[in-house]
Amino acid sequence: MDEPRYHERRRRADGWLRLLWWCSGLGWLVLLLVLLLYHLGRPQTNFGLWRYWRLPIRHDWLEPWLGVLPWGLAGCVALSLLTLGLGRRRARRQEDVVLWYDVLLLSISLVGLLSYGALFWWS
């Protein structure tokens, strides 16, 4: 007796889903780079060992590093919004997608960017 052949019904990841994965990974990479720039540009901590060895300590922010931070954060927000939009568009079951989560995340991101810009960038 012959067994029926198994038919794979699942589809492989299409181009949009791969783009979604790449955008998500790129967003995380940009966020890590922004955190590294923040770490390099901030004032140095005055540790006791540094005072003992009389090493010079930088007490001010490095201006070239600060100019890149808002653009990096805006890039992270843009990639996150693109990923959210693609994920919403590519959802197989539309009832799983809740719109107010996206609106809440968008509003929190915009409030954060606007307050950062108002405090540090536009003043």
PDB file of N, CA and C in Angstrom:
ATOM      1  N   MET A   1       0.830  -1.175   0.000  1.00  0.00           N
ATOM      2  CA  MET A   1       0.000   0.000   0.000  1.00  0.00           C
ATOM      3  C   MET A   1       0.879   1.243   0.000  1.00  0.00           C
ATOM      4  N   ASP A   2       0.632   2.114  -0.916  1.00  0.00           N
ATOM      5  CA  ASP A   2       1.426   3.334  -1.037  1.00  0.00           C
ATOM      6  C   ASP A   2       0.909   4.389  -0.076  1.00  0.00           C
ATOM      7  N   GLU A   3       1.846   5.057   0.593  1.00  0.00           N
ATOM      8  CA  GLU A   3       1.468   6.158   1.486  1.00  0.00           C
ATOM      9  C   GLU A   3       1.278   7.430   0.672  1.00  0.00           C
ATOM     10  N   PRO A   4       0.328   8.259   1.073  1.00  0.00           N
ATOM     11  CA  PRO A   4       0.149   9.516   0.333  1.00  0.00           C
ATOM     12  C   PRO A   4       1.355  10.426   0.554  1.00  0.00           C
ATOM     13  N   ARG A   5       1.704  11.145  -0.474  1.00  0.00           N
ATOM     14  CA  ARG A   5       2.848  12.045  -0.377  1.00  0.00           C
ATOM     15  C   ARG A   5       2.499  13.221   0.524  1.00  0.00           C
ATOM     16  N   TYR A   6       3.470  13.646   1.304  1.00  0.00           N
ATOM     17  CA  TYR A   6       3.273  14.777   2.202  1.00  0.00           C
ATOM     18  C   TYR A   6       3.381  16.055   1.401  1.00  0.00           C
ATOM     19  N   HIS A   7       2.434  16.920   1.571  1.00  0.00           N
ATOM     20  CA  HIS A   7       2.426  18.195   0.865  1.00  0.00           C
ATOM     21  C   HIS A   7       2.663  19.325   1.868  1.00  0.00           C
ATOM     22  N   GLU A   8       3.756  20.035   1.710  1.00  0.00           N
ATOM     23  CA  GLU A   8       4.092  21.156   2.594  1.00  0.00           C
ATOM     24  C   GLU A   8       3.214  22.349   2.232  1.00  0.00           C
ATOM     25  N   ARG A   9       2.394  22.780   3.196  1.00  0.00           N
ATOM     26  CA  ARG A   9       1.490  23.890   2.936  1.00  0.00           C
ATOM     27  C   ARG A   9       2.077  25.225   3.352  1.00  0.00           C
ATOM     28  N   ARG A  10       3.056  25.202   4.222  1.00  0.00           N
ATOM     29  CA  ARG A  10       3.637  26.464   4.672  1.00  0.00           C
ATOM     30  C   ARG A  10       4.494  27.070   3.576  1.00  0.00           C
ATOM     31  N   ARG A  11       4.446  28.385   3.520  1.00  0.00           N
ATOM     32  CA  ARG A  11       5.238  29.090   2.527  1.00  0.00           C
ATOM     33  C   ARG A  11       6.521  29.593   3.163  1.00  0.00           C
ATOM     34  N   ARG A  12       7.518  29.733   2.352  1.00  0.00           N
ATOM     35  CA  ARG A  12       8.773  30.280   2.839  1.00  0.00           C
ATOM     36  C   ARG A  12       8.633  31.789   3.014  1.00  0.00           C
ATOM     37  N   ALA A  13       9.583  32.367   3.717  1.00  0.00           N
ATOM     38  CA  ALA A  13       9.557  33.814   3.951  1.00  0.00           C
ATOM     39  C   ALA A  13       9.717  34.544   2.615  1.00  0.00           C
ATOM     40  N   ASP A  14       8.811  35.455   2.349  1.00  0.00           N
ATOM     41  CA  ASP A  14       8.889  36.206   1.101  1.00  0.00           C
ATOM     42  C   ASP A  14       9.792  37.423   1.269  1.00  0.00           C
ATOM     43  N   GLY A  15       9.889  38.214   0.238  1.00  0.00           N
ATOM     44  CA  GLY A  15      10.781  39.373   0.253  1.00  0.00           C
ATOM     45  C   GLY A  15      10.398  40.419   1.279  1.00  0.00           C
ATOM     46  N   TRP A  16       9.080  40.618   1.474  1.00  0.00           N
ATOM     47  CA  TRP A  16       8.634  41.620   2.451  1.00  0.00           C
ATOM     48  C   TRP A  16       9.009  41.214   3.865  1.00  0.00           C
ATOM     49  N   LEU A  17       8.871  39.931   4.155  1.00  0.00           N
ATOM     50  CA  LEU A  17       9.222  39.459   5.494  1.00  0.00           C
ATOM     51  C   LEU A  17      10.727  39.549   5.728  1.00  0.00           C
ATOM     52  N   ARG A  18      11.490  39.253   4.704  1.00  0.00           N
ATOM     53  CA  ARG A  18      12.942  39.410   4.834  1.00  0.00           C
ATOM     54  C   ARG A  18      13.318  40.879   5.021  1.00  0.00           C
ATOM     55  N   LEU A  19      12.643  41.775   4.310  1.00  0.00           N
ATOM     56  CA  LEU A  19      12.873  43.204   4.506  1.00  0.00           C
ATOM     57  C   LEU A  19      12.529  43.620   5.938  1.00  0.00           C
ATOM     58  N   LEU A  20      11.477  43.042   6.476  1.00  0.00           N
ATOM     59  CA  LEU A  20      11.085  43.303   7.858  1.00  0.00           C
ATOM     60  C   LEU A  20      12.180  42.872   8.824  1.00  0.00           C
ATOM     61  N   TRP A  21      12.748  41.710   8.619  1.00  0.00           N
ATOM     62  CA  TRP A  21      13.836  41.224   9.470  1.00  0.00           C
ATOM     63  C   TRP A  21      15.066  42.126   9.353  1.00  0.00           C
ATOM     64  N   TRP A  22      15.400  42.526   8.142  1.00  0.00           N
ATOM     65  CA  TRP A  22      16.565  43.379   7.947  1.00  0.00           C
ATOM     66  C   TRP A  22      16.359  44.747   8.574  1.00  0.00           C
ATOM     67  N   CYS A  23      15.171  45.307   8.447  1.00  0.00           N
ATOM     68  CA  CYS A  23      14.895  46.616   9.070  1.00  0.00           C
ATOM     69  C   CYS A  23      14.983  46.524  10.585  1.00  0.00           C
ATOM     70  N   SER A  24      14.476  45.455  11.129  1.00  0.00           N
ATOM     71  CA  SER A  24      14.543  45.276  12.579  1.00  0.00           C
ATOM     72  C   SER A  24      15.993  45.145  13.041  1.00  0.00           C
ATOM     73  N   GLY A  25      16.766  44.334  12.366  1.00  0.00           N
ATOM     74  CA  GLY A  25      18.178  44.178  12.723  1.00  0.00           C
ATOM     75  C   GLY A  25      18.972  45.458  12.545  1.00  0.00           C
ATOM     76  N   LEU A  26      18.685  46.188  11.458  1.00  0.00           N
ATOM     77  CA  LEU A  26      19.368  47.451  11.227  1.00  0.00           C
ATOM     78  C   LEU A  26      18.987  48.484  12.282  1.00  0.00           C
ATOM     79  N   GLY A  27      17.726  48.474  12.713  1.00  0.00           N
ATOM     80  CA  GLY A  27      17.312  49.380  13.785  1.00  0.00           C
ATOM     81  C   GLY A  27      18.054  49.112  15.078  1.00  0.00           C
ATOM     82  N   TRP A  28      18.224  47.841  15.421  1.00  0.00           N
ATOM     83  CA  TRP A  28      18.981  47.510  16.627  1.00  0.00           C
ATOM     84  C   TRP A  28      20.445  47.901  16.492  1.00  0.00           C
ATOM     85  N   LEU A  29      21.004  47.717  15.310  1.00  0.00           N
ATOM     86  CA  LEU A  29      22.398  48.096  15.104  1.00  0.00           C
ATOM     87  C   LEU A  29      22.579  49.608  15.231  1.00  0.00           C
ATOM     88  N   VAL A  30      21.663  50.374  14.661  1.00  0.00           N
ATOM     89  CA  VAL A  30      21.742  51.838  14.778  1.00  0.00           C
ATOM     90  C   VAL A  30      21.600  52.256  16.240  1.00  0.00           C
ATOM     91  N   LEU A  31      20.696  51.595  16.976  1.00  0.00           N
ATOM     92  CA  LEU A  31      20.541  51.918  18.393  1.00  0.00           C
ATOM     93  C   LEU A  31      21.820  51.635  19.175  1.00  0.00           C
ATOM     94  N   LEU A  32      22.484  50.522  18.893  1.00  0.00           N
ATOM     95  CA  LEU A  32      23.740  50.215  19.575  1.00  0.00           C
ATOM     96  C   LEU A  32      24.825  51.229  19.220  1.00  0.00           C
ATOM     97  N   LEU A  33      24.867  51.676  17.968  1.00  0.00           N
ATOM     98  CA  LEU A  33      25.840  52.689  17.576  1.00  0.00           C
ATOM     99  C   LEU A  33      25.565  54.028  18.260  1.00  0.00           C
ATOM    100  N   VAL A  34      24.296  54.382  18.401  1.00  0.00           N
ATOM    101  CA  VAL A  34      23.949  55.623  19.095  1.00  0.00           C
ATOM    102  C   VAL A  34      24.349  55.532  20.564  1.00  0.00           C
ATOM    103  N   LEU A  35      24.130  54.383  21.186  1.00  0.00           N
ATOM    104  CA  LEU A  35      24.546  54.208  22.580  1.00  0.00           C
ATOM    105  C   LEU A  35      26.066  54.282  22.720  1.00  0.00           C
ATOM    106  N   LEU A  36      26.790  53.745  21.746  1.00  0.00           N
ATOM    107  CA  LEU A  36      28.252  53.828  21.777  1.00  0.00           C
ATOM    108  C   LEU A  36      28.713  55.271  21.621  1.00  0.00           C
ATOM    109  N   LEU A  37      28.084  56.017  20.718  1.00  0.00           N
ATOM    110  CA  LEU A  37      28.436  57.429  20.556  1.00  0.00           C
ATOM    111  C   LEU A  37      28.137  58.231  21.824  1.00  0.00           C
ATOM    112  N   TYR A  38      27.033  57.908  22.480  1.00  0.00           N
ATOM    113  CA  TYR A  38      26.710  58.578  23.745  1.00  0.00           C
ATOM    114  C   TYR A  38      27.793  58.286  24.786  1.00  0.00           C
ATOM    115  N   HIS A  39      28.218  57.033  24.850  1.00  0.00           N
ATOM    116  CA  HIS A  39      29.229  56.652  25.829  1.00  0.00           C
ATOM    117  C   HIS A  39      30.559  57.351  25.553  1.00  0.00           C
ATOM    118  N   LEU A  40      30.912  57.464  24.280  1.00  0.00           N
ATOM    119  CA  LEU A  40      32.182  58.104  23.944  1.00  0.00           C
ATOM    120  C   LEU A  40      32.139  59.623  24.119  1.00  0.00           C
ATOM    121  N   GLY A  41      30.986  60.246  23.926  1.00  0.00           N
ATOM    122  CA  GLY A  41      30.896  61.693  23.958  1.00  0.00           C
ATOM    123  C   GLY A  41      30.596  62.296  25.308  1.00  0.00           C
ATOM    124  N   ARG A  42      30.164  61.500  26.271  1.00  0.00           N
ATOM    125  CA  ARG A  42      29.790  62.060  27.571  1.00  0.00           C
ATOM    126  C   ARG A  42      31.030  62.413  28.392  1.00  0.00           C
ATOM    127  N   PRO A  43      30.862  63.231  29.419  1.00  0.00           N
ATOM    128  CA  PRO A  43      32.007  63.552  30.296  1.00  0.00           C
ATOM    129  C   PRO A  43      32.514  62.301  31.007  1.00  0.00           C
ATOM    130  N   GLN A  44      33.796  62.289  31.270  1.00  0.00           N
ATOM    131  CA  GLN A  44      34.391  61.124  31.920  1.00  0.00           C
ATOM    132  C   GLN A  44      34.094  61.127  33.414  1.00  0.00           C
ATOM    133  N   THR A  45      33.981  59.948  33.960  1.00  0.00           N
ATOM    134  CA  THR A  45      33.720  59.800  35.384  1.00  0.00           C
ATOM    135  C   THR A  45      35.016  59.985  36.164  1.00  0.00           C
ATOM    136  N   ASN A  46      34.934  60.699  37.262  1.00  0.00           N
ATOM    137  CA  ASN A  46      36.097  61.003  38.078  1.00  0.00           C
ATOM    138  C   ASN A  46      36.287  59.889  39.117  1.00  0.00           C
ATOM    139  N   PHE A  47      36.973  58.834  38.718  1.00  0.00           N
ATOM    140  CA  PHE A  47      37.248  57.729  39.632  1.00  0.00           C
ATOM    141  C   PHE A  47      38.418  58.079  40.539  1.00  0.00           C
ATOM    142  N   GLY A  48      38.453  57.461  41.706  1.00  0.00           N
ATOM    143  CA  GLY A  48      39.538  57.733  42.652  1.00  0.00           C
ATOM    144  C   GLY A  48      40.891  57.325  42.123  1.00  0.00           C
ATOM    145  N   LEU A  49      40.939  56.252  41.353  1.00  0.00           N
ATOM    146  CA  LEU A  49      42.208  55.795  40.789  1.00  0.00           C
ATOM    147  C   LEU A  49      42.749  56.799  39.778  1.00  0.00           C
ATOM    148  N   TRP A  50      41.870  57.440  39.050  1.00  0.00           N
ATOM    149  CA  TRP A  50      42.305  58.461  38.088  1.00  0.00           C
ATOM    150  C   TRP A  50      42.876  59.671  38.814  1.00  0.00           C
ATOM    151  N   ARG A  51      42.254  60.033  39.942  1.00  0.00           N
ATOM    152  CA  ARG A  51      42.794  61.141  40.730  1.00  0.00           C
ATOM    153  C   ARG A  51      44.150  60.769  41.322  1.00  0.00           C
ATOM    154  N   TYR A  52      44.319  59.519  41.761  1.00  0.00           N
ATOM    155  CA  TYR A  52      45.575  59.069  42.348  1.00  0.00           C
ATOM    156  C   TYR A  52      46.702  59.106  41.323  1.00  0.00           C
ATOM    157  N   TRP A  53      46.413  58.681  40.100  1.00  0.00           N
ATOM    158  CA  TRP A  53      47.429  58.690  39.044  1.00  0.00           C
ATOM    159  C   TRP A  53      47.531  60.048  38.356  1.00  0.00           C
ATOM    160  N   ARG A  54      46.690  60.987  38.751  1.00  0.00           N
ATOM    161  CA  ARG A  54      46.650  62.341  38.190  1.00  0.00           C
ATOM    162  C   ARG A  54      46.456  62.328  36.667  1.00  0.00           C
ATOM    163  N   LEU A  55      45.528  61.527  36.238  1.00  0.00           N
ATOM    164  CA  LEU A  55      45.176  61.472  34.817  1.00  0.00           C
ATOM    165  C   LEU A  55      44.214  62.606  34.489  1.00  0.00           C
ATOM    166  N   PRO A  56      44.311  63.163  33.290  1.00  0.00           N
ATOM    167  CA  PRO A  56      43.372  64.238  32.930  1.00  0.00           C
ATOM    168  C   PRO A  56      41.962  63.676  32.750  1.00  0.00           C
ATOM    169  N   ILE A  57      40.994  64.412  33.262  1.00  0.00           N
ATOM    170  CA  ILE A  57      39.595  63.994  33.188  1.00  0.00           C
ATOM    171  C   ILE A  57      38.833  65.049  32.401  1.00  0.00           C
ATOM    172  N   ARG A  58      38.098  64.584  31.392  1.00  0.00           N
ATOM    173  CA  ARG A  58      37.311  65.504  30.573  1.00  0.00           C
ATOM    174  C   ARG A  58      35.967  65.730  31.257  1.00  0.00           C
ATOM    175  N   HIS A  59      35.629  67.001  31.519  1.00  0.00           N
ATOM    176  CA  HIS A  59      34.401  67.337  32.233  1.00  0.00           C
ATOM    177  C   HIS A  59      33.289  67.840  31.320  1.00  0.00           C
ATOM    178  N   ASP A  60      33.544  67.947  30.037  1.00  0.00           N
ATOM    179  CA  ASP A  60      32.526  68.469  29.128  1.00  0.00           C
ATOM    180  C   ASP A  60      32.212  67.430  28.048  1.00  0.00           C
ATOM    181  N   TRP A  61      31.122  67.670  27.353  1.00  0.00           N
ATOM    182  CA  TRP A  61      30.687  66.776  26.283  1.00  0.00           C
ATOM    183  C   TRP A  61      31.489  67.055  25.023  1.00  0.00           C
ATOM    184  N   LEU A  62      31.731  66.025  24.233  1.00  0.00           N
ATOM    185  CA  LEU A  62      32.385  66.200  22.939  1.00  0.00           C
ATOM    186  C   LEU A  62      31.329  66.596  21.914  1.00  0.00           C
ATOM    187  N   GLU A  63      31.443  67.791  21.383  1.00  0.00           N
ATOM    188  CA  GLU A  63      30.426  68.342  20.480  1.00  0.00           C
ATOM    189  C   GLU A  63      30.232  67.542  19.191  1.00  0.00           C
ATOM    190  N   PRO A  64      31.289  67.040  18.532  1.00  0.00           N
ATOM    191  CA  PRO A  64      31.036  66.293  17.289  1.00  0.00           C
ATOM    192  C   PRO A  64      30.190  65.041  17.500  1.00  0.00           C
ATOM    193  N   TRP A  65      30.327  64.397  18.645  1.00  0.00           N
ATOM    194  CA  TRP A  65      29.541  63.191  18.915  1.00  0.00           C
ATOM    195  C   TRP A  65      28.084  63.539  19.180  1.00  0.00           C
ATOM    196  N   LEU A  66      27.843  64.712  19.761  1.00  0.00           N
ATOM    197  CA  LEU A  66      26.475  65.090  20.105  1.00  0.00           C
ATOM    198  C   LEU A  66      25.618  65.400  18.884  1.00  0.00           C
ATOM    199  N   GLY A  67      26.226  65.900  17.826  1.00  0.00           N
ATOM    200  CA  GLY A  67      25.459  66.252  16.642  1.00  0.00           C
ATOM    201  C   GLY A  67      24.854  65.054  15.927  1.00  0.00           C
ATOM    202  N   VAL A  68      25.437  63.889  16.109  1.00  0.00           N
ATOM    203  CA  VAL A  68      24.971  62.683  15.423  1.00  0.00           C
ATOM    204  C   VAL A  68      23.845  61.999  16.197  1.00  0.00           C
ATOM    205  N   LEU A  69      23.765  62.215  17.498  1.00  0.00           N
ATOM    206  CA  LEU A  69      22.800  61.495  18.335  1.00  0.00           C
ATOM    207  C   LEU A  69      21.345  61.690  17.909  1.00  0.00           C
ATOM    208  N   PRO A  70      20.856  62.909  17.674  1.00  0.00           N
ATOM    209  CA  PRO A  70      19.444  63.041  17.273  1.00  0.00           C
ATOM    210  C   PRO A  70      19.140  62.371  15.937  1.00  0.00           C
ATOM    211  N   TRP A  71      20.099  62.429  15.005  1.00  0.00           N
ATOM    212  CA  TRP A  71      19.868  61.784  13.716  1.00  0.00           C
ATOM    213  C   TRP A  71      19.844  60.267  13.854  1.00  0.00           C
ATOM    214  N   GLY A  72      20.698  59.727  14.700  1.00  0.00           N
ATOM    215  CA  GLY A  72      20.681  58.285  14.942  1.00  0.00           C
ATOM    216  C   GLY A  72      19.403  57.828  15.609  1.00  0.00           C
ATOM    217  N   LEU A  73      18.941  58.611  16.590  1.00  0.00           N
ATOM    218  CA  LEU A  73      17.682  58.267  17.250  1.00  0.00           C
ATOM    219  C   LEU A  73      16.497  58.399  16.303  1.00  0.00           C
ATOM    220  N   ALA A  74      16.518  59.413  15.442  1.00  0.00           N
ATOM    221  CA  ALA A  74      15.450  59.556  14.448  1.00  0.00           C
ATOM    222  C   ALA A  74      15.483  58.396  13.456  1.00  0.00           C
ATOM    223  N   GLY A  75      16.684  57.931  13.108  1.00  0.00           N
ATOM    224  CA  GLY A  75      16.794  56.751  12.244  1.00  0.00           C
ATOM    225  C   GLY A  75      16.231  55.510  12.896  1.00  0.00           C
ATOM    226  N   CYS A  76      16.486  55.352  14.209  1.00  0.00           N
ATOM    227  CA  CYS A  76      15.918  54.211  14.942  1.00  0.00           C
ATOM    228  C   CYS A  76      14.395  54.272  14.940  1.00  0.00           C
ATOM    229  N   VAL A  77      13.844  55.456  15.161  1.00  0.00           N
ATOM    230  CA  VAL A  77      12.384  55.612  15.170  1.00  0.00           C
ATOM    231  C   VAL A  77      11.819  55.321  13.783  1.00  0.00           C
ATOM    232  N   ALA A  78      12.486  55.825  12.744  1.00  0.00           N
ATOM    233  CA  ALA A  78      11.992  55.592  11.378  1.00  0.00           C
ATOM    234  C   ALA A  78      12.026  54.109  11.023  1.00  0.00           C
ATOM    235  N   LEU A  79      13.119  53.426  11.368  1.00  0.00           N
ATOM    236  CA  LEU A  79      13.189  51.991  11.091  1.00  0.00           C
ATOM    237  C   LEU A  79      12.174  51.209  11.912  1.00  0.00           C
ATOM    238  N   SER A  80      11.942  51.627  13.146  1.00  0.00           N
ATOM    239  CA  SER A  80      10.943  50.955  13.976  1.00  0.00           C
ATOM    240  C   SER A  80       9.545  51.147  13.405  1.00  0.00           C
ATOM    241  N   LEU A  81       9.234  52.364  12.956  1.00  0.00           N
ATOM    242  CA  LEU A  81       7.917  52.605  12.368  1.00  0.00           C
ATOM    243  C   LEU A  81       7.740  51.848  11.057  1.00  0.00           C
ATOM    244  N   LEU A  82       8.810  51.761  10.264  1.00  0.00           N
ATOM    245  CA  LEU A  82       8.742  50.978   9.029  1.00  0.00           C
ATOM    246  C   LEU A  82       8.511  49.506   9.336  1.00  0.00           C
ATOM    247  N   THR A  83       9.206  49.002  10.346  1.00  0.00           N
ATOM    248  CA  THR A  83       9.028  47.608  10.733  1.00  0.00           C
ATOM    249  C   THR A  83       7.621  47.357  11.253  1.00  0.00           C
ATOM    250  N   LEU A  84       7.092  48.272  12.070  1.00  0.00           N
ATOM    251  CA  LEU A  84       5.727  48.119  12.560  1.00  0.00           C
ATOM    252  C   LEU A  84       4.716  48.165  11.417  1.00  0.00           C
ATOM    253  N   GLY A  85       4.938  49.074  10.487  1.00  0.00           N
ATOM    254  CA  GLY A  85       4.022  49.166   9.356  1.00  0.00           C
ATOM    255  C   GLY A  85       4.055  47.937   8.469  1.00  0.00           C
ATOM    256  N   LEU A  86       5.263  47.419   8.194  1.00  0.00           N
ATOM    257  CA  LEU A  86       5.362  46.212   7.384  1.00  0.00           C
ATOM    258  C   LEU A  86       4.781  45.008   8.110  1.00  0.00           C
ATOM    259  N   GLY A  87       5.019  44.935   9.416  1.00  0.00           N
ATOM    260  CA  GLY A  87       4.454  43.820  10.183  1.00  0.00           C
ATOM    261  C   GLY A  87       2.940  43.858  10.201  1.00  0.00           C
ATOM    262  N   ARG A  88       2.392  45.039  10.306  1.00  0.00           N
ATOM    263  CA  ARG A  88       0.932  45.173  10.295  1.00  0.00           C
ATOM    264  C   ARG A  88       0.374  44.819   8.926  1.00  0.00           C
ATOM    265  N   ARG A  89       1.062  45.233   7.902  1.00  0.00           N
ATOM    266  CA  ARG A  89       0.600  44.962   6.542  1.00  0.00           C
ATOM    267  C   ARG A  89       0.699  43.484   6.193  1.00  0.00           C
ATOM    268  N   ARG A  90       1.717  42.815   6.720  1.00  0.00           N
ATOM    269  CA  ARG A  90       1.957  41.416   6.378  1.00  0.00           C
ATOM    270  C   ARG A  90       1.323  40.428   7.343  1.00  0.00           C
ATOM    271  N   ALA A  91       0.578  40.896   8.314  1.00  0.00           N
ATOM    272  CA  ALA A  91      -0.062  39.976   9.268  1.00  0.00           C
ATOM    273  C   ALA A  91      -1.084  39.111   8.545  1.00  0.00           C
ATOM    274  N   ARG A  92      -1.021  37.825   8.793  1.00  0.00           N
ATOM    275  CA  ARG A  92      -1.947  36.917   8.110  1.00  0.00           C
ATOM    276  C   ARG A  92      -3.338  36.985   8.712  1.00  0.00           C
ATOM    277  N   ARG A  93      -3.398  37.141  10.010  1.00  0.00           N
ATOM    278  CA  ARG A  93      -4.705  37.261  10.663  1.00  0.00           C
ATOM    279  C   ARG A  93      -4.863  38.702  11.097  1.00  0.00           C
ATOM    280  N   GLN A  94      -5.754  39.402  10.466  1.00  0.00           N
ATOM    281  CA  GLN A  94      -5.921  40.818  10.735  1.00  0.00           C
ATOM    282  C   GLN A  94      -6.496  41.086  12.127  1.00  0.00           C
ATOM    283  N   GLU A  95      -7.165  40.110  12.720  1.00  0.00           N
ATOM    284  CA  GLU A  95      -7.713  40.341  14.063  1.00  0.00           C
ATOM    285  C   GLU A  95      -6.626  40.300  15.136  1.00  0.00           C
ATOM    286  N   ASP A  96      -5.423  39.809  14.795  1.00  0.00           N
ATOM    287  CA  ASP A  96      -4.317  39.805  15.757  1.00  0.00           C
ATOM    288  C   ASP A  96      -3.671  41.184  15.892  1.00  0.00           C
ATOM    289  N   VAL A  97      -3.880  42.028  14.918  1.00  0.00           N
ATOM    290  CA  VAL A  97      -3.246  43.346  14.906  1.00  0.00           C
ATOM    291  C   VAL A  97      -4.131  44.321  15.672  1.00  0.00           C
ATOM    292  N   VAL A  98      -3.551  44.934  16.691  1.00  0.00           N
ATOM    293  CA  VAL A  98      -4.272  45.923  17.483  1.00  0.00           C
ATOM    294  C   VAL A  98      -3.698  47.294  17.140  1.00  0.00           C
ATOM    295  N   LEU A  99      -4.534  48.175  16.632  1.00  0.00           N
ATOM    296  CA  LEU A  99      -4.073  49.466  16.125  1.00  0.00           C
ATOM    297  C   LEU A  99      -3.580  50.386  17.234  1.00  0.00           C
ATOM    298  N   TRP A 100      -4.197  50.335  18.404  1.00  0.00           N
ATOM    299  CA  TRP A 100      -3.843  51.326  19.416  1.00  0.00           C
ATOM    300  C   TRP A 100      -2.459  51.088  20.000  1.00  0.00           C
ATOM    301  N   TYR A 101      -1.914  49.875  19.893  1.00  0.00           N
ATOM    302  CA  TYR A 101      -0.520  49.661  20.305  1.00  0.00           C
ATOM    303  C   TYR A 101       0.417  50.476  19.426  1.00  0.00           C
ATOM    304  N   ASP A 102       0.167  50.449  18.130  1.00  0.00           N
ATOM    305  CA  ASP A 102       1.010  51.205  17.202  1.00  0.00           C
ATOM    306  C   ASP A 102       0.867  52.707  17.425  1.00  0.00           C
ATOM    307  N   VAL A 103      -0.354  53.155  17.654  1.00  0.00           N
ATOM    308  CA  VAL A 103      -0.585  54.585  17.885  1.00  0.00           C
ATOM    309  C   VAL A 103       0.077  55.017  19.195  1.00  0.00           C
ATOM    310  N   LEU A 104       0.004  54.188  20.225  1.00  0.00           N
ATOM    311  CA  LEU A 104       0.636  54.510  21.501  1.00  0.00           C
ATOM    312  C   LEU A 104       2.156  54.588  21.352  1.00  0.00           C
ATOM    313  N   LEU A 105       2.745  53.622  20.654  1.00  0.00           N
ATOM    314  CA  LEU A 105       4.189  53.642  20.446  1.00  0.00           C
ATOM    315  C   LEU A 105       4.614  54.838  19.608  1.00  0.00           C
ATOM    316  N   LEU A 106       3.836  55.156  18.593  1.00  0.00           N
ATOM    317  CA  LEU A 106       4.136  56.316  17.764  1.00  0.00           C
ATOM    318  C   LEU A 106       4.061  57.611  18.572  1.00  0.00           C
ATOM    319  N   SER A 107       3.045  57.750  19.396  1.00  0.00           N
ATOM    320  CA  SER A 107       2.911  58.976  20.186  1.00  0.00           C
ATOM    321  C   SER A 107       4.021  59.092  21.231  1.00  0.00           C
ATOM    322  N   ILE A 108       4.395  58.003  21.872  1.00  0.00           N
ATOM    323  CA  ILE A 108       5.495  58.043  22.848  1.00  0.00           C
ATOM    324  C   ILE A 108       6.800  58.417  22.149  1.00  0.00           C
ATOM    325  N   SER A 109       7.038  57.854  20.970  1.00  0.00           N
ATOM    326  CA  SER A 109       8.261  58.165  20.229  1.00  0.00           C
ATOM    327  C   SER A 109       8.292  59.624  19.804  1.00  0.00           C
ATOM    328  N   LEU A 110       7.171  60.130  19.313  1.00  0.00           N
ATOM    329  CA  LEU A 110       7.137  61.523  18.876  1.00  0.00           C
ATOM    330  C   LEU A 110       7.290  62.489  20.044  1.00  0.00           C
ATOM    331  N   VAL A 111       6.662  62.189  21.168  1.00  0.00           N
ATOM    332  CA  VAL A 111       6.810  63.048  22.350  1.00  0.00           C
ATOM    333  C   VAL A 111       8.264  63.038  22.813  1.00  0.00           C
ATOM    334  N   GLY A 112       8.892  61.878  22.808  1.00  0.00           N
ATOM    335  CA  GLY A 112      10.302  61.803  23.200  1.00  0.00           C
ATOM    336  C   GLY A 112      11.207  62.573  22.271  1.00  0.00           C
ATOM    337  N   LEU A 113      10.998  62.428  20.966  1.00  0.00           N
ATOM    338  CA  LEU A 113      11.827  63.161  20.012  1.00  0.00           C
ATOM    339  C   LEU A 113      11.608  64.665  20.094  1.00  0.00           C
ATOM    340  N   LEU A 114      10.361  65.077  20.221  1.00  0.00           N
ATOM    341  CA  LEU A 114      10.075  66.511  20.303  1.00  0.00           C
ATOM    342  C   LEU A 114      10.614  67.121  21.591  1.00  0.00           C
ATOM    343  N   SER A 115      10.493  66.409  22.706  1.00  0.00           N
ATOM    344  CA  SER A 115      11.029  66.954  23.955  1.00  0.00           C
ATOM    345  C   SER A 115      12.554  66.986  23.929  1.00  0.00           C
ATOM    346  N   TYR A 116      13.168  65.975  23.326  1.00  0.00           N
ATOM    347  CA  TYR A 116      14.632  66.003  23.197  1.00  0.00           C
ATOM    348  C   TYR A 116      15.063  67.170  22.316  1.00  0.00           C
ATOM    349  N   GLY A 117      14.367  67.351  21.209  1.00  0.00           N
ATOM    350  CA  GLY A 117      14.702  68.458  20.317  1.00  0.00           C
ATOM    351  C   GLY A 117      14.486  69.803  20.968  1.00  0.00           C
ATOM    352  N   ALA A 118      13.405  69.930  21.749  1.00  0.00           N
ATOM    353  CA  ALA A 118      13.122  71.204  22.407  1.00  0.00           C
ATOM    354  C   ALA A 118      14.143  71.505  23.497  1.00  0.00           C
ATOM    355  N   LEU A 119      14.639  70.488  24.182  1.00  0.00           N
ATOM    356  CA  LEU A 119      15.582  70.726  25.272  1.00  0.00           C
ATOM    357  C   LEU A 119      17.011  70.938  24.789  1.00  0.00           C
ATOM    358  N   PHE A 120      17.436  70.164  23.805  1.00  0.00           N
ATOM    359  CA  PHE A 120      18.866  70.167  23.468  1.00  0.00           C
ATOM    360  C   PHE A 120      19.165  70.633  22.047  1.00  0.00           C
ATOM    361  N   TRP A 121      18.308  70.360  21.115  1.00  0.00           N
ATOM    362  CA  TRP A 121      18.634  70.584  19.718  1.00  0.00           C
ATOM    363  C   TRP A 121      18.252  71.990  19.257  1.00  0.00           C
ATOM    364  N   TRP A 122      17.051  72.454  19.614  1.00  0.00           N
ATOM    365  CA  TRP A 122      16.547  73.728  19.098  1.00  0.00           C
ATOM    366  C   TRP A 122      16.773  74.903  20.039  1.00  0.00           C
ATOM    367  N   SER A 123      17.358  74.678  21.180  1.00  0.00           N
ATOM    368  CA  SER A 123      17.529  75.796  22.121  1.00  0.00           C
ATOM    369  C   SER A 123      18.799  76.573  21.876  1.00  0.00           C
TER     370      SER A 123
END
